[in-house]
N, C-alpha and C. Protein backbone atom coordinates (compact mmCIF):
# COMPACT_ATOMS: atom_id res chain seq x y z
N UNK A 1 346.95 31.67 181.71
CA UNK A 1 345.55 31.51 181.95
C UNK A 1 345.00 30.49 180.95
N UNK A 2 344.12 29.62 181.42
CA UNK A 2 343.49 28.63 180.57
C UNK A 2 342.01 28.97 180.45
N UNK A 3 341.55 29.08 179.23
CA UNK A 3 340.15 29.40 178.98
C UNK A 3 339.39 28.12 178.66
N UNK A 4 338.09 28.15 178.90
CA UNK A 4 337.25 27.04 178.48
C UNK A 4 337.31 26.92 176.97
N UNK A 5 337.10 25.72 176.50
CA UNK A 5 337.07 25.46 175.07
C UNK A 5 335.88 26.21 174.48
N UNK A 6 336.14 27.08 173.52
CA UNK A 6 335.09 27.93 172.95
C UNK A 6 334.65 27.42 171.59
N UNK A 7 333.98 26.30 171.60
CA UNK A 7 333.46 25.72 170.36
C UNK A 7 332.05 25.19 170.63
N UNK A 8 331.34 24.92 169.55
CA UNK A 8 330.01 24.35 169.64
C UNK A 8 330.07 23.04 170.42
N UNK A 9 329.15 22.88 171.34
CA UNK A 9 329.01 21.69 172.17
C UNK A 9 330.24 21.42 173.04
N UNK A 10 330.86 22.48 173.52
CA UNK A 10 332.04 22.31 174.38
C UNK A 10 331.72 21.49 175.62
N UNK A 11 330.50 21.57 176.11
CA UNK A 11 330.11 20.78 177.29
C UNK A 11 330.27 19.29 177.02
N UNK A 12 329.96 18.87 175.79
CA UNK A 12 330.14 17.45 175.46
C UNK A 12 331.61 17.07 175.55
N UNK A 13 332.47 17.87 174.95
CA UNK A 13 333.90 17.56 174.94
C UNK A 13 334.47 17.52 176.37
N UNK A 14 334.15 18.55 177.16
CA UNK A 14 334.76 18.69 178.47
C UNK A 14 334.06 17.88 179.56
N UNK A 15 332.74 17.85 179.55
CA UNK A 15 332.01 17.23 180.65
C UNK A 15 331.61 15.79 180.36
N UNK A 16 331.16 15.53 179.16
CA UNK A 16 330.71 14.18 178.86
C UNK A 16 331.89 13.27 178.51
N UNK A 17 332.57 13.57 177.43
CA UNK A 17 333.65 12.68 176.96
C UNK A 17 334.85 12.67 177.90
N UNK A 18 335.37 13.84 178.22
CA UNK A 18 336.58 13.92 179.05
C UNK A 18 336.33 13.45 180.48
N UNK A 19 335.32 14.00 181.12
CA UNK A 19 335.07 13.65 182.52
C UNK A 19 334.73 12.17 182.71
N UNK A 20 333.96 11.62 181.77
CA UNK A 20 333.60 10.20 181.87
C UNK A 20 334.84 9.32 181.75
N UNK A 21 335.68 9.60 180.78
CA UNK A 21 336.89 8.80 180.59
C UNK A 21 337.83 8.93 181.80
N UNK A 22 337.98 10.14 182.31
CA UNK A 22 338.85 10.33 183.47
C UNK A 22 338.31 9.63 184.70
N UNK A 23 337.01 9.64 184.88
CA UNK A 23 336.40 8.93 186.01
C UNK A 23 336.65 7.42 185.89
N UNK A 24 336.53 6.90 184.68
CA UNK A 24 336.79 5.47 184.47
C UNK A 24 338.26 5.15 184.73
N UNK A 25 339.14 6.05 184.33
CA UNK A 25 340.57 5.86 184.58
C UNK A 25 340.86 5.86 186.08
N UNK A 26 340.32 6.83 186.78
CA UNK A 26 340.57 6.94 188.22
C UNK A 26 339.96 5.77 189.00
N UNK A 27 338.91 5.18 188.45
CA UNK A 27 338.29 4.01 189.08
C UNK A 27 339.02 2.72 188.74
N UNK A 28 340.04 2.82 187.90
CA UNK A 28 340.80 1.64 187.51
C UNK A 28 340.15 0.81 186.42
N UNK A 29 339.14 1.37 185.77
CA UNK A 29 338.43 0.65 184.71
C UNK A 29 339.16 0.74 183.37
N UNK A 30 339.96 1.79 183.18
CA UNK A 30 340.71 1.99 181.95
C UNK A 30 342.16 2.29 182.31
N UNK A 31 343.09 1.84 181.45
CA UNK A 31 344.48 2.23 181.64
C UNK A 31 344.73 3.53 180.87
N UNK A 32 345.94 4.03 180.92
CA UNK A 32 346.25 5.31 180.28
C UNK A 32 345.96 5.29 178.78
N UNK A 33 346.41 4.27 178.10
CA UNK A 33 346.20 4.18 176.64
C UNK A 33 344.72 4.09 176.29
N UNK A 34 343.99 3.31 177.03
CA UNK A 34 342.55 3.18 176.78
C UNK A 34 341.83 4.50 177.02
N UNK A 35 342.23 5.20 178.06
CA UNK A 35 341.62 6.49 178.38
C UNK A 35 341.85 7.48 177.26
N UNK A 36 343.09 7.58 176.81
CA UNK A 36 343.40 8.52 175.74
C UNK A 36 342.68 8.14 174.45
N UNK A 37 342.62 6.86 174.15
CA UNK A 37 341.93 6.41 172.94
C UNK A 37 340.44 6.73 173.00
N UNK A 38 339.85 6.52 174.17
CA UNK A 38 338.42 6.80 174.32
C UNK A 38 338.14 8.29 174.14
N UNK A 39 338.94 9.13 174.76
CA UNK A 39 338.76 10.58 174.62
C UNK A 39 338.95 10.99 173.17
N UNK A 40 340.01 10.52 172.55
CA UNK A 40 340.29 10.88 171.15
C UNK A 40 339.16 10.45 170.24
N UNK A 41 338.69 9.22 170.39
CA UNK A 41 337.62 8.71 169.53
C UNK A 41 336.33 9.49 169.71
N UNK A 42 335.98 9.79 170.96
CA UNK A 42 334.74 10.52 171.19
C UNK A 42 334.83 11.96 170.69
N UNK A 43 335.98 12.61 170.89
CA UNK A 43 336.15 13.98 170.40
C UNK A 43 336.13 14.01 168.88
N UNK A 44 336.82 13.07 168.23
CA UNK A 44 336.82 13.03 166.77
C UNK A 44 335.44 12.76 166.21
N UNK A 45 334.70 11.86 166.83
CA UNK A 45 333.34 11.54 166.37
C UNK A 45 332.46 12.79 166.45
N UNK A 46 332.51 13.50 167.58
CA UNK A 46 331.69 14.70 167.76
C UNK A 46 332.12 15.79 166.77
N UNK A 47 333.42 15.95 166.59
CA UNK A 47 333.92 16.96 165.66
C UNK A 47 333.48 16.65 164.24
N UNK A 48 333.51 15.38 163.86
CA UNK A 48 333.06 14.99 162.53
C UNK A 48 331.56 15.24 162.36
N UNK A 49 330.79 14.99 163.43
CA UNK A 49 329.34 15.23 163.37
C UNK A 49 329.04 16.71 163.13
N UNK A 50 329.75 17.56 163.83
CA UNK A 50 329.52 19.00 163.75
C UNK A 50 330.16 19.59 162.49
N UNK A 51 331.33 19.07 162.15
CA UNK A 51 332.10 19.56 161.01
C UNK A 51 333.38 20.21 161.49
N UNK A 52 334.50 19.67 161.04
CA UNK A 52 335.81 20.18 161.50
C UNK A 52 336.02 21.64 161.15
N UNK A 53 335.69 22.00 159.93
CA UNK A 53 335.90 23.38 159.52
C UNK A 53 335.00 24.32 160.29
N UNK A 54 333.79 23.89 160.54
CA UNK A 54 332.85 24.70 161.32
C UNK A 54 333.39 24.93 162.74
N UNK A 55 333.93 23.89 163.35
CA UNK A 55 334.51 24.02 164.69
C UNK A 55 335.72 24.96 164.66
N UNK A 56 336.57 24.79 163.67
CA UNK A 56 337.75 25.63 163.56
C UNK A 56 337.36 27.10 163.34
N UNK A 57 336.41 27.33 162.46
CA UNK A 57 335.97 28.69 162.19
C UNK A 57 335.37 29.34 163.44
N UNK A 58 334.57 28.58 164.16
CA UNK A 58 333.97 29.08 165.39
C UNK A 58 335.00 29.40 166.45
N UNK A 59 335.99 28.54 166.58
CA UNK A 59 337.04 28.76 167.57
C UNK A 59 337.86 29.99 167.22
N UNK A 60 338.24 30.10 165.96
CA UNK A 60 339.00 31.29 165.54
C UNK A 60 338.20 32.56 165.77
N UNK A 61 336.93 32.53 165.48
CA UNK A 61 336.08 33.70 165.69
C UNK A 61 336.01 34.06 167.18
N UNK A 62 336.00 33.06 168.05
CA UNK A 62 335.94 33.33 169.50
C UNK A 62 337.21 33.99 169.99
N UNK A 63 338.31 33.80 169.26
CA UNK A 63 339.59 34.40 169.63
C UNK A 63 339.90 35.67 168.84
N UNK A 64 338.99 36.02 167.94
CA UNK A 64 339.16 37.17 167.05
C UNK A 64 340.36 36.99 166.13
N UNK A 65 340.60 35.76 165.68
CA UNK A 65 341.69 35.46 164.75
C UNK A 65 341.14 35.64 163.34
N UNK A 66 341.85 36.40 162.54
CA UNK A 66 341.37 36.68 161.19
C UNK A 66 342.11 35.92 160.10
N UNK A 67 343.18 35.21 160.43
CA UNK A 67 343.93 34.46 159.42
C UNK A 67 343.25 33.17 159.11
């Protein structure tokens, strides 16, 4: 089973950054490498804005991970 990403602003990661890049790829506007780079850059930028540790802590809490 695959669950939705359970972090702050998950809609941005899944709907804005991912869906936009995939649409550009499917339209032939980006190649595979460009698509992956665009997704990676946008996800990293958003994660840095929010805070990596904050995202990690929130994700672990959503899974009830205590380590």
